[in-house]
Amino acid sequence: MAGSRKVFSLLKLFGLSLALILFIVPFMFLVMNSFKENREITSNPLALPDSLSFSNYTNAFEKMGYVDAFSNSLIITMLSVLFISLFAAMTAHYFVRNQTKGNQYTFLLMVASMIIPFQAIMIPLVKIYGSLDMLNSKWSLIYMYIGFGSSLAVFIYHGFVKSIPKELEEAALIDGCTRIQTFFRIVFPVLMPTTATIAILNVLWIWNDFLLPSLVLIDAKQRTLPLSTYNFYGTYTVDYGPLMASLVLTVLPVIVIYLFAQKYIIQGVMQGSVK
């Protein structure tokens, strides 16, 4: 028995190590090539750079308008995640505590909407909102992200709200809390681990999204970081060095956020699995 456990542990360690290598090697090549000139990248992308030069990063920082693009990505991501988490939690709580036929059908419709691919609705989406003059605005993009992200968040919150004893809310109401106070003082704090999980999933999705912002944001000053990396693609050529540097600058904030928030992310996932 002890021997089989040891073999299983070794196999698991080997599998995890292999997965780590598969995930980290492309990022290592990205960072390595971000210090090279174009001729070095095209001649041998797997070789180490001849010398460390930060000219690609300075060029990328200026050409992509990093400050404006970063602020746009930050505003869009933070506000979208905030409103998705808040509205979805309130909606799921209302659905669970008010089991009417209308609420059940609405919840089923929200769950069913998750299977519709975005590519199937992106042309009507642009046509409708273009006719309403709602394109080329980060606020319209936030509005769309709230709509697209709420279904999954409501579905996740719905199961967790069921695990909250209704007696806690009844006791708060007896003590004089209103329904809104009961939600924000009793229910929402209990949902914090779930909120952390939903928040990180939506941050990764919205921060790295390219397709929806490319359809909505037209003006260069409205672009997010992923859209700004497209500046290095010419008609017939690609400026590979600054492009690699711009990709590193784009993913770096997400990596930093994950390193600081990984304890809360893992805690939320573990508590979610237990529930």
C-alpha atoms as a PDB file:
ATOM      1  CA  MET A   1       0.000   0.000   0.000  1.00  0.00           C
ATOM      2  CA  ALA A   2       2.791   2.427   0.928  1.00  0.00           C
ATOM      3  CA  GLY A   3       4.644   1.565  -2.288  1.00  0.00           C
ATOM      4  CA  SER A   4       1.588   2.264  -4.466  1.00  0.00           C
ATOM      5  CA  ARG A   5       1.049   5.612  -2.732  1.00  0.00           C
ATOM      6  CA  LYS A   6       4.663   6.544  -3.378  1.00  0.00           C
ATOM      7  CA  VAL A   7       4.338   5.634  -7.061  1.00  0.00           C
ATOM      8  CA  PHE A   8       1.115   7.641  -7.299  1.00  0.00           C
ATOM      9  CA  SER A   9       2.784  10.657  -5.656  1.00  0.00           C
ATOM     10  CA  LEU A  10       5.716  10.449  -8.083  1.00  0.00           C
ATOM     11  CA  LEU A  11       3.361  10.214 -11.061  1.00  0.00           C
ATOM     12  CA  LYS A  12       1.376  13.191  -9.790  1.00  0.00           C
ATOM     13  CA  LEU A  13       4.571  15.187  -9.273  1.00  0.00           C
ATOM     14  CA  PHE A  14       5.719  14.303 -12.791  1.00  0.00           C
ATOM     15  CA  GLY A  15       2.364  15.317 -14.288  1.00  0.00           C
ATOM     16  CA  LEU A  16       2.291  18.637 -12.430  1.00  0.00           C
ATOM     17  CA  SER A  17       5.903  19.366 -13.391  1.00  0.00           C
ATOM     18  CA  LEU A  18       5.118  18.628 -17.038  1.00  0.00           C
ATOM     19  CA  ALA A  19       2.061  20.921 -16.910  1.00  0.00           C
ATOM     20  CA  LEU A  20       4.188  23.671 -15.316  1.00  0.00           C
ATOM     21  CA  ILE A  21       6.763  23.378 -18.101  1.00  0.00           C
ATOM     22  CA  LEU A  22       4.089  23.489 -20.809  1.00  0.00           C
ATOM     23  CA  PHE A  23       2.609  26.646 -19.305  1.00  0.00           C
ATOM     24  CA  ILE A  24       5.792  28.515 -18.409  1.00  0.00           C
ATOM     25  CA  VAL A  25       7.989  27.791 -21.468  1.00  0.00           C
ATOM     26  CA  PRO A  26       5.959  29.965 -23.908  1.00  0.00           C
ATOM     27  CA  PHE A  27       6.058  32.855 -21.437  1.00  0.00           C
ATOM     28  CA  MET A  28       9.819  32.428 -21.026  1.00  0.00           C
ATOM     29  CA  PHE A  29      10.284  32.618 -24.804  1.00  0.00           C
ATOM     30  CA  LEU A  30       8.078  35.707 -24.879  1.00  0.00           C
ATOM     31  CA  VAL A  31      10.199  37.484 -22.264  1.00  0.00           C
ATOM     32  CA  MET A  32      13.420  36.320 -23.887  1.00  0.00           C
ATOM     33  CA  ASN A  33      12.435  37.572 -27.342  1.00  0.00           C
ATOM     34  CA  SER A  34      11.252  40.900 -25.948  1.00  0.00           C
ATOM     35  CA  PHE A  35      14.937  41.851 -25.462  1.00  0.00           C
ATOM     36  CA  LYS A  36      15.955  40.939 -29.033  1.00  0.00           C
ATOM     37  CA  GLU A  37      16.009  42.894 -32.253  1.00  0.00           C
ATOM     38  CA  ASN A  38      13.817  41.804 -35.162  1.00  0.00           C
ATOM     39  CA  ARG A  39      16.669  40.138 -37.039  1.00  0.00           C
ATOM     40  CA  GLU A  40      17.557  38.031 -33.987  1.00  0.00           C
ATOM     41  CA  ILE A  41      13.952  36.934 -33.517  1.00  0.00           C
ATOM     42  CA  THR A  42      13.417  35.965 -37.152  1.00  0.00           C
ATOM     43  CA  SER A  43      16.783  34.206 -37.450  1.00  0.00           C
ATOM     44  CA  ASN A  44      16.514  32.126 -34.264  1.00  0.00           C
ATOM     45  CA  PRO A  45      13.591  32.768 -31.879  1.00  0.00           C
ATOM     46  CA  LEU A  46      14.766  30.029 -29.480  1.00  0.00           C
ATOM     47  CA  ALA A  47      18.243  31.498 -28.867  1.00  0.00           C
ATOM     48  CA  LEU A  48      19.210  33.752 -25.978  1.00  0.00           C
ATOM     49  CA  PRO A  49      19.568  37.479 -26.782  1.00  0.00           C
ATOM     50  CA  ASP A  50      23.055  38.734 -27.593  1.00  0.00           C
ATOM     51  CA  SER A  51      22.643  41.597 -25.116  1.00  0.00           C
ATOM     52  CA  LEU A  52      19.921  42.908 -22.822  1.00  0.00           C
ATOM     53  CA  SER A  53      18.388  45.998 -24.423  1.00  0.00           C
ATOM     54  CA  PHE A  54      15.299  47.755 -23.097  1.00  0.00           C
ATOM     55  CA  SER A  55      14.735  49.711 -26.309  1.00  0.00           C
ATOM     56  CA  ASN A  56      11.837  47.422 -27.251  1.00  0.00           C
ATOM     57  CA  TYR A  57      10.088  48.281 -23.983  1.00  0.00           C
ATOM     58  CA  THR A  58      10.553  52.029 -24.396  1.00  0.00           C
ATOM     59  CA  ASN A  59       9.328  51.829 -28.003  1.00  0.00           C
ATOM     60  CA  ALA A  60       6.366  49.703 -26.987  1.00  0.00           C
ATOM     61  CA  PHE A  61       5.514  51.993 -24.073  1.00  0.00           C
ATOM     62  CA  GLU A  62       5.385  55.023 -26.361  1.00  0.00           C
ATOM     63  CA  LYS A  63       3.837  53.497 -29.482  1.00  0.00           C
ATOM     64  CA  MET A  64       0.998  51.694 -27.718  1.00  0.00           C
ATOM     65  CA  GLY A  65       0.198  54.708 -25.496  1.00  0.00           C
ATOM     66  CA  TYR A  66       0.622  52.549 -22.451  1.00  0.00           C
ATOM     67  CA  VAL A  67      -0.658  55.032 -19.861  1.00  0.00           C
ATOM     68  CA  ASP A  68      -3.939  55.672 -21.685  1.00  0.00           C
ATOM     69  CA  ALA A  69      -4.395  52.022 -22.626  1.00  0.00           C
ATOM     70  CA  PHE A  70      -3.652  50.862 -19.079  1.00  0.00           C
ATOM     71  CA  SER A  71      -6.108  53.354 -17.568  1.00  0.00           C
ATOM     72  CA  ASN A  72      -8.790  52.282 -20.059  1.00  0.00           C
ATOM     73  CA  SER A  73      -8.245  48.598 -19.267  1.00  0.00           C
ATOM     74  CA  LEU A  74      -8.233  49.296 -15.540  1.00  0.00           C
ATOM     75  CA  ILE A  75     -11.466  51.331 -15.600  1.00  0.00           C
ATOM     76  CA  ILE A  76     -13.276  48.850 -17.840  1.00  0.00           C
ATOM     77  CA  THR A  77     -12.130  45.779 -15.897  1.00  0.00           C
ATOM     78  CA  MET A  78     -12.677  47.117 -12.375  1.00  0.00           C
ATOM     79  CA  LEU A  79     -16.108  48.639 -13.000  1.00  0.00           C
ATOM     80  CA  SER A  80     -17.298  45.620 -14.993  1.00  0.00           C
ATOM     81  CA  VAL A  81     -16.190  43.162 -12.309  1.00  0.00           C
ATOM     82  CA  LEU A  82     -17.674  45.325  -9.542  1.00  0.00           C
ATOM     83  CA  PHE A  83     -21.100  45.598 -11.160  1.00  0.00           C
ATOM     84  CA  ILE A  84     -21.155  41.954 -12.303  1.00  0.00           C
ATOM     85  CA  SER A  85     -20.423  40.734  -8.774  1.00  0.00           C
ATOM     86  CA  LEU A  86     -22.897  43.101  -7.120  1.00  0.00           C
ATOM     87  CA  PHE A  87     -25.808  42.715  -9.536  1.00  0.00           C
ATOM     88  CA  ALA A  88     -25.364  38.958  -9.917  1.00  0.00           C
ATOM     89  CA  ALA A  89     -25.304  38.395  -6.149  1.00  0.00           C
ATOM     90  CA  MET A  90     -28.462  40.469  -5.678  1.00  0.00           C
ATOM     91  CA  THR A  91     -30.198  38.707  -8.580  1.00  0.00           C
ATOM     92  CA  ALA A  92     -29.272  35.227  -7.350  1.00  0.00           C
ATOM     93  CA  HIS A  93     -30.447  36.084  -3.830  1.00  0.00           C
ATOM     94  CA  TYR A  94     -33.775  37.325  -5.172  1.00  0.00           C
ATOM     95  CA  PHE A  95     -34.249  34.180  -7.287  1.00  0.00           C
ATOM     96  CA  VAL A  96     -33.502  31.853  -4.349  1.00  0.00           C
ATOM     97  CA  ARG A  97     -35.666  33.669  -1.815  1.00  0.00           C
ATOM     98  CA  ASN A  98     -38.590  34.194  -4.219  1.00  0.00           C
ATOM     99  CA  GLN A  99     -39.333  30.857  -5.872  1.00  0.00           C
ATOM    100  CA  THR A 100     -41.978  31.981  -8.360  1.00  0.00           C
ATOM    101  CA  LYS A 101     -42.549  30.513 -11.819  1.00  0.00           C
ATOM    102  CA  GLY A 102     -41.376  33.739 -13.452  1.00  0.00           C
ATOM    103  CA  ASN A 103     -38.130  33.743 -11.491  1.00  0.00           C
ATOM    104  CA  GLN A 104     -37.486  30.091 -12.284  1.00  0.00           C
ATOM    105  CA  TYR A 105     -38.009  30.640 -16.014  1.00  0.00           C
ATOM    106  CA  THR A 106     -35.836  33.763 -15.945  1.00  0.00           C
ATOM    107  CA  PHE A 107     -33.054  31.852 -14.198  1.00  0.00           C
ATOM    108  CA  LEU A 108     -33.289  29.026 -16.745  1.00  0.00           C
ATOM    109  CA  LEU A 109     -33.110  31.562 -19.582  1.00  0.00           C
ATOM    110  CA  MET A 110     -29.977  33.111 -18.056  1.00  0.00           C
ATOM    111  CA  VAL A 111     -28.355  29.683 -17.739  1.00  0.00           C
ATOM    112  CA  ALA A 112     -29.360  28.751 -21.291  1.00  0.00           C
ATOM    113  CA  SER A 113     -27.861  31.989 -22.645  1.00  0.00           C
ATOM    114  CA  MET A 114     -24.385  30.794 -21.637  1.00  0.00           C
ATOM    115  CA  ILE A 115     -24.345  28.210 -24.434  1.00  0.00           C
ATOM    116  CA  ILE A 116     -24.798  30.857 -27.170  1.00  0.00           C
ATOM    117  CA  PRO A 117     -21.383  31.650 -28.735  1.00  0.00           C
ATOM    118  CA  PHE A 118     -20.478  35.324 -28.917  1.00  0.00           C
ATOM    119  CA  GLN A 119     -19.586  35.003 -32.605  1.00  0.00           C
ATOM    120  CA  ALA A 120     -23.248  34.250 -33.342  1.00  0.00           C
ATOM    121  CA  ILE A 121     -24.452  37.604 -32.004  1.00  0.00           C
ATOM    122  CA  MET A 122     -21.535  39.972 -32.556  1.00  0.00           C
ATOM    123  CA  ILE A 123     -22.749  41.268 -35.958  1.00  0.00           C
ATOM    124  CA  PRO A 124     -26.320  42.062 -34.744  1.00  0.00           C
ATOM    125  CA  LEU A 125     -24.775  43.527 -31.579  1.00  0.00           C
ATOM    126  CA  VAL A 126     -22.602  45.980 -33.517  1.00  0.00           C
ATOM    127  CA  LYS A 127     -25.446  46.829 -35.913  1.00  0.00           C
ATOM    128  CA  ILE A 128     -27.979  47.546 -33.157  1.00  0.00           C
ATOM    129  CA  TYR A 129     -25.698  49.539 -30.872  1.00  0.00           C
ATOM    130  CA  GLY A 130     -24.113  51.296 -33.843  1.00  0.00           C
ATOM    131  CA  SER A 131     -27.554  52.528 -34.907  1.00  0.00           C
ATOM    132  CA  LEU A 132     -28.061  53.823 -31.360  1.00  0.00           C
ATOM    133  CA  ASP A 133     -24.690  55.634 -31.497  1.00  0.00           C
ATOM    134  CA  MET A 134     -23.421  53.645 -28.496  1.00  0.00           C
ATOM    135  CA  LEU A 135     -20.136  52.447 -29.971  1.00  0.00           C
ATOM    136  CA  ASN A 136     -16.644  53.885 -29.410  1.00  0.00           C
ATOM    137  CA  SER A 137     -17.230  54.346 -25.684  1.00  0.00           C
ATOM    138  CA  LYS A 138     -15.722  52.490 -22.760  1.00  0.00           C
ATOM    139  CA  TRP A 139     -18.992  52.927 -20.870  1.00  0.00           C
ATOM    140  CA  SER A 140     -20.893  51.026 -23.568  1.00  0.00           C
ATOM    141  CA  LEU A 141     -18.263  48.292 -23.339  1.00  0.00           C
ATOM    142  CA  ILE A 142     -18.726  48.086 -19.562  1.00  0.00           C
ATOM    143  CA  TYR A 143     -22.487  47.807 -20.092  1.00  0.00           C
ATOM    144  CA  MET A 144     -21.954  44.914 -22.522  1.00  0.00           C
ATOM    145  CA  TYR A 145     -19.545  43.121 -20.199  1.00  0.00           C
ATOM    146  CA  ILE A 146     -22.102  43.320 -17.396  1.00  0.00           C
ATOM    147  CA  GLY A 147     -24.678  41.706 -19.665  1.00  0.00           C
ATOM    148  CA  PHE A 148     -22.380  38.968 -20.950  1.00  0.00           C
ATOM    149  CA  GLY A 149     -20.838  38.160 -17.563  1.00  0.00           C
ATOM    150  CA  SER A 150     -23.915  38.183 -15.342  1.00  0.00           C
ATOM    151  CA  SER A 151     -25.369  34.823 -16.409  1.00  0.00           C
ATOM    152  CA  LEU A 152     -22.426  32.728 -15.224  1.00  0.00           C
ATOM    153  CA  ALA A 153     -22.082  34.793 -12.047  1.00  0.00           C
ATOM    154  CA  VAL A 154     -25.785  34.398 -11.210  1.00  0.00           C
ATOM    155  CA  PHE A 155     -25.515  30.657 -11.832  1.00  0.00           C
ATOM    156  CA  ILE A 156     -22.547  30.347  -9.435  1.00  0.00           C
ATOM    157  CA  TYR A 157     -24.073  32.594  -6.759  1.00  0.00           C
ATOM    158  CA  HIS A 158     -27.416  30.788  -6.985  1.00  0.00           C
ATOM    159  CA  GLY A 159     -26.013  27.560  -5.563  1.00  0.00           C
ATOM    160  CA  PHE A 160     -24.184  29.335  -2.754  1.00  0.00           C
ATOM    161  CA  VAL A 161     -27.139  31.436  -1.630  1.00  0.00           C
ATOM    162  CA  LYS A 162     -29.066  28.189  -1.107  1.00  0.00           C
ATOM    163  CA  SER A 163     -26.500  27.155   1.509  1.00  0.00           C
ATOM    164  CA  ILE A 164     -27.114  30.298   3.609  1.00  0.00           C
ATOM    165  CA  PRO A 165     -29.706  29.578   6.354  1.00  0.00           C
ATOM    166  CA  LYS A 166     -32.803  31.689   5.876  1.00  0.00           C
ATOM    167  CA  GLU A 167     -33.025  32.053   9.665  1.00  0.00           C
ATOM    168  CA  LEU A 168     -30.014  34.415   9.611  1.00  0.00           C
ATOM    169  CA  GLU A 169     -31.901  36.842   7.412  1.00  0.00           C
ATOM    170  CA  GLU A 170     -35.096  36.488   9.424  1.00  0.00           C
ATOM    171  CA  ALA A 171     -33.196  37.268  12.620  1.00  0.00           C
ATOM    172  CA  ALA A 172     -31.693  40.379  11.028  1.00  0.00           C
ATOM    173  CA  LEU A 173     -35.153  41.525   9.899  1.00  0.00           C
ATOM    174  CA  ILE A 174     -36.511  41.011  13.407  1.00  0.00           C
ATOM    175  CA  ASP A 175     -33.623  43.113  14.777  1.00  0.00           C
ATOM    176  CA  GLY A 176     -34.711  46.013  12.590  1.00  0.00           C
ATOM    177  CA  CYS A 177     -32.649  45.653   9.403  1.00  0.00           C
ATOM    178  CA  THR A 178     -34.264  46.382   6.094  1.00  0.00           C
ATOM    179  CA  ARG A 179     -33.986  43.846   3.272  1.00  0.00           C
ATOM    180  CA  ILE A 180     -31.188  45.850   1.651  1.00  0.00           C
ATOM    181  CA  GLN A 181     -29.287  46.087   4.953  1.00  0.00           C
ATOM    182  CA  THR A 182     -29.797  42.361   5.507  1.00  0.00           C
ATOM    183  CA  PHE A 183     -28.301  41.589   2.121  1.00  0.00           C
ATOM    184  CA  PHE A 184     -25.222  43.793   2.528  1.00  0.00           C
ATOM    185  CA  ARG A 185     -24.597  43.000   6.228  1.00  0.00           C
ATOM    186  CA  ILE A 186     -25.495  39.290   6.351  1.00  0.00           C
ATOM    187  CA  VAL A 187     -25.682  37.691   2.913  1.00  0.00           C
ATOM    188  CA  PHE A 188     -23.006  39.439   0.872  1.00  0.00           C
ATOM    189  CA  PRO A 189     -20.191  38.992   3.481  1.00  0.00           C
ATOM    190  CA  VAL A 190     -20.905  35.254   3.534  1.00  0.00           C
ATOM    191  CA  LEU A 191     -20.577  35.213  -0.262  1.00  0.00           C
ATOM    192  CA  MET A 192     -17.122  36.843  -0.224  1.00  0.00           C
ATOM    193  CA  PRO A 193     -15.193  33.616  -1.080  1.00  0.00           C
ATOM    194  CA  THR A 194     -17.500  33.091  -4.045  1.00  0.00           C
ATOM    195  CA  THR A 195     -17.131  36.746  -5.002  1.00  0.00           C
ATOM    196  CA  ALA A 196     -13.327  36.373  -5.024  1.00  0.00           C
ATOM    197  CA  THR A 197     -13.587  33.424  -7.415  1.00  0.00           C
ATOM    198  CA  ILE A 198     -16.017  35.217  -9.725  1.00  0.00           C
ATOM    199  CA  ALA A 199     -13.922  38.382  -9.630  1.00  0.00           C
ATOM    200  CA  ILE A 200     -10.679  36.698 -10.694  1.00  0.00           C
ATOM    201  CA  LEU A 201     -12.419  34.766 -13.493  1.00  0.00           C
ATOM    202  CA  ASN A 202     -13.916  37.977 -14.846  1.00  0.00           C
ATOM    203  CA  VAL A 203     -10.676  39.960 -14.435  1.00  0.00           C
ATOM    204  CA  LEU A 204      -8.799  37.406 -16.534  1.00  0.00           C
ATOM    205  CA  TRP A 205     -11.562  37.397 -19.149  1.00  0.00           C
ATOM    206  CA  ILE A 206     -12.144  41.147 -19.438  1.00  0.00           C
ATOM    207  CA  TRP A 207      -8.503  42.263 -19.139  1.00  0.00           C
ATOM    208  CA  ASN A 208      -7.333  39.869 -21.879  1.00  0.00           C
ATOM    209  CA  ASP A 209     -10.375  40.182 -24.144  1.00  0.00           C
ATOM    210  CA  PHE A 210      -9.665  41.344 -27.677  1.00  0.00           C
ATOM    211  CA  LEU A 211     -12.716  40.586 -29.828  1.00  0.00           C
ATOM    212  CA  LEU A 212     -15.447  42.626 -28.098  1.00  0.00           C
ATOM    213  CA  PRO A 213     -13.290  45.762 -27.551  1.00  0.00           C
ATOM    214  CA  SER A 214     -12.140  45.575 -31.184  1.00  0.00           C
ATOM    215  CA  LEU A 215     -15.790  45.777 -32.261  1.00  0.00           C
ATOM    216  CA  VAL A 216     -16.780  48.575 -29.877  1.00  0.00           C
ATOM    217  CA  LEU A 217     -13.727  50.807 -29.411  1.00  0.00           C
ATOM    218  CA  ILE A 218     -12.655  52.628 -32.558  1.00  0.00           C
ATOM    219  CA  ASP A 219     -10.785  55.703 -31.334  1.00  0.00           C
ATOM    220  CA  ALA A 220      -7.120  55.031 -30.491  1.00  0.00           C
ATOM    221  CA  LYS A 221      -7.425  56.825 -27.124  1.00  0.00           C
ATOM    222  CA  GLN A 222     -10.269  54.516 -26.099  1.00  0.00           C
ATOM    223  CA  ARG A 223      -8.354  51.290 -26.756  1.00  0.00           C
ATOM    224  CA  THR A 224      -7.443  48.746 -24.106  1.00  0.00           C
ATOM    225  CA  LEU A 225      -4.028  47.136 -23.713  1.00  0.00           C
ATOM    226  CA  PRO A 226      -4.748  44.061 -25.898  1.00  0.00           C
ATOM    227  CA  LEU A 227      -5.983  46.359 -28.683  1.00  0.00           C
ATOM    228  CA  SER A 228      -2.908  48.563 -28.386  1.00  0.00           C
ATOM    229  CA  THR A 229      -0.618  45.632 -29.170  1.00  0.00           C
ATOM    230  CA  TYR A 230      -2.147  45.559 -32.654  1.00  0.00           C
ATOM    231  CA  ASN A 231      -0.247  48.787 -33.457  1.00  0.00           C
ATOM    232  CA  PHE A 232       2.864  46.706 -34.165  1.00  0.00           C
ATOM    233  CA  TYR A 233       1.250  44.829 -37.048  1.00  0.00           C
ATOM    234  CA  GLY A 234       1.880  46.535 -40.380  1.00  0.00           C
ATOM    235  CA  THR A 235       0.346  45.734 -43.747  1.00  0.00           C
ATOM    236  CA  TYR A 236       3.245  43.497 -44.798  1.00  0.00           C
ATOM    237  CA  THR A 237       5.538  43.403 -41.759  1.00  0.00           C
ATOM    238  CA  VAL A 238       5.394  42.813 -38.012  1.00  0.00           C
ATOM    239  CA  ASP A 239       7.581  44.677 -35.542  1.00  0.00           C
ATOM    240  CA  TYR A 240       8.311  41.584 -33.455  1.00  0.00           C
ATOM    241  CA  GLY A 241      10.609  43.073 -30.804  1.00  0.00           C
ATOM    242  CA  PRO A 242       8.293  45.845 -29.551  1.00  0.00           C
ATOM    243  CA  LEU A 243       5.333  43.490 -30.043  1.00  0.00           C
ATOM    244  CA  MET A 244       6.850  40.966 -27.618  1.00  0.00           C
ATOM    245  CA  ALA A 245       7.595  43.763 -25.164  1.00  0.00           C
ATOM    246  CA  SER A 246       4.033  45.076 -25.434  1.00  0.00           C
ATOM    247  CA  LEU A 247       2.643  41.595 -24.698  1.00  0.00           C
ATOM    248  CA  VAL A 248       4.817  41.376 -21.570  1.00  0.00           C
ATOM    249  CA  LEU A 249       3.606  44.812 -20.457  1.00  0.00           C
ATOM    250  CA  THR A 250       0.012  43.702 -21.071  1.00  0.00           C
ATOM    251  CA  VAL A 251       0.114  40.469 -19.049  1.00  0.00           C
ATOM    252  CA  LEU A 252       2.348  41.821 -16.273  1.00  0.00           C
ATOM    253  CA  PRO A 253      -0.445  43.572 -14.294  1.00  0.00           C
ATOM    254  CA  VAL A 254      -2.531  40.377 -14.240  1.00  0.00           C
ATOM    255  CA  ILE A 255       0.448  38.370 -12.991  1.00  0.00           C
ATOM    256  CA  VAL A 256       1.105  40.905 -10.227  1.00  0.00           C
ATOM    257  CA  ILE A 257      -2.566  40.866  -9.183  1.00  0.00           C
ATOM    258  CA  TYR A 258      -2.570  37.067  -9.095  1.00  0.00           C
ATOM    259  CA  LEU A 259       0.604  36.909  -6.984  1.00  0.00           C
ATOM    260  CA  PHE A 260      -0.927  39.214  -4.376  1.00  0.00           C
ATOM    261  CA  ALA A 261      -4.410  37.685  -4.459  1.00  0.00           C
ATOM    262  CA  GLN A 262      -3.598  33.987  -4.897  1.00  0.00           C
ATOM    263  CA  LYS A 263      -4.323  33.218  -1.231  1.00  0.00           C
ATOM    264  CA  TYR A 264      -7.860  34.591  -1.540  1.00  0.00           C
ATOM    265  CA  ILE A 265      -8.375  32.932  -4.927  1.00  0.00           C
ATOM    266  CA  ILE A 266      -7.392  29.493  -3.619  1.00  0.00           C
ATOM    267  CA  GLN A 267      -9.452  30.054  -0.477  1.00  0.00           C
ATOM    268  CA  GLY A 268     -12.508  30.901  -2.563  1.00  0.00           C
ATOM    269  CA  VAL A 269     -12.095  27.884  -4.821  1.00  0.00           C
ATOM    270  CA  MET A 270     -11.575  25.527  -1.871  1.00  0.00           C
ATOM    271  CA  GLN A 271     -14.592  26.831   0.026  1.00  0.00           C
ATOM    272  CA  GLY A 272     -16.625  26.620  -3.153  1.00  0.00           C
ATOM    273  CA  SER A 273     -15.672  22.975  -3.636  1.00  0.00           C
ATOM    274  CA  VAL A 274     -16.628  22.168  -0.051  1.00  0.00           C
ATOM    275  CA  LYS A 275     -20.024  23.814  -0.419  1.00  0.00           C
END
